[in-house]
């Protein structure tokens, strides 16, 4: 049965379009020299499907608002003013169309004309049936072992490519495209020559874009799994790690148990024990002054709980999650790791989850899980190699969604200027093609076509968000109207 599945899935990935970084048709000498990434849509043969009104080839609008002072350079990194170093013209899609050639549908839509709504529900991984768990693992493994036919990854800087004359790209699997994306967006800036790097820069972390960037990342990954498998009903699960004493997803049935022969490796009973990682040695790349070349670098490593306890004493608690969700300001001050009373900074793990003070000496929330895993996951640039990354970030996204629903922020609350480079509202998210701006994902998941099972039940939602405390709430009336939660509580002191 599985052999038949693999044949069908291989057929699907070979012929279903996918639109990520870098589209093969834009990774040519001609495209780089012309600085234009406007592939034709197969439906009518025109660039960006212009003849059918799907989109048009237009000039890229570079961000103009000033960045924060954390990155003191200009014109030295290919990610600055993304994607202008590579392309100054790309497809700008109309209506509900999306993709590098406007051949796909926006998130939350499907159909030939992209006018049918899709509503998906992401569930707790432990609420999946045994068959659903097995299917999820098989999809991950298929993605890891299927070469992407639609896109490649860049392995050299634009300067190393002789300004486009000598393209430097590599073939990778569908899964490893996403590993590379997470590496590329978070890598250090190469300033020229061995060891000459700037480490205080990250286009998807340490600043306001952290949550919107990873929301978009997960949406694209989810869509590509659907295309790869032909299973349009696929929805990614999440891992609720609150109050967990250990890595309870680290079993051979799920993400892989420890190897009895080496606690740093995975059990041979897990399919993930055979996985090879890429882009996991940032120090080596920096010493040589080069980018990751996407070659295999050894097995996946993990040893949960055997980490530096001074940095992360334990996995986050329900009380810490509730405190973090109670912070009203999305971001504050310099909008970096020093930000105080910042929901984003505390959720990311650099604010203390009991006081909200930035620059915490201990990692909390999101960062705590990465450190706790004590292996591939504990390196920011290579962390997406571990499939736990997806379960973890899906849960972080669910907490982001809870905060959005409670606070109902306006788009104007996302910063226009002054954020670290890559994080202002109108900055094009690195390294996505087609282009998306940070502010576009500062909105409810319902607008993007998905929901979380934990937010469908009113009492579970309020308990999770910290609004409802069973110790002092005597009476509660809950009203849901047009995605706006309104509540009244009569508090009885003990």
Foldseek 3Di string as FASTA:
>chain_A
DVVVLLVVLLVLLVPPAAFWPPFPVCLALVNQVQQFQFAADPVVRDGLCVVVQFWDKDFDDFADFAAAPLDPDPDQFCQFSPNNLRHGIFIDGDDQFDHRSSCAGFFQFDDNVRPHGFFAAAEALVPDDLVVLVVVQVLLVSQQPAKRPTYWHAWFGCVVCVSSNNGGTDIGGNLVVLLQQQLVQQAWGQRDFFLRTHNRDGLQDFFLLVQLVVVVSLSSSQVVSCSSSVPPRDDHYAHDCAPPQWPPQCPLSHQFHADPVDLFAGHPSHPLRPGFFFSQCSVVCRRGSTGTSRDTDGGFTWRAQPFPCQQPVGAHHLQLLLQLLPQQACFDDLRGQQTASHSRNVQCFQAPSVGRGGNDSHGYHNQNVQRRRPTQSNDSSRNSSRVNVSNRSVVSNQSLQLSCQANVDDLPSQAQYSHHRNRHQQRFRPPTPPTDGSSVSNHHCVVSNYHYPQVVDPVSSCSSNNVDDVVFFDDKDWDADPSHTDIDTDGDDD
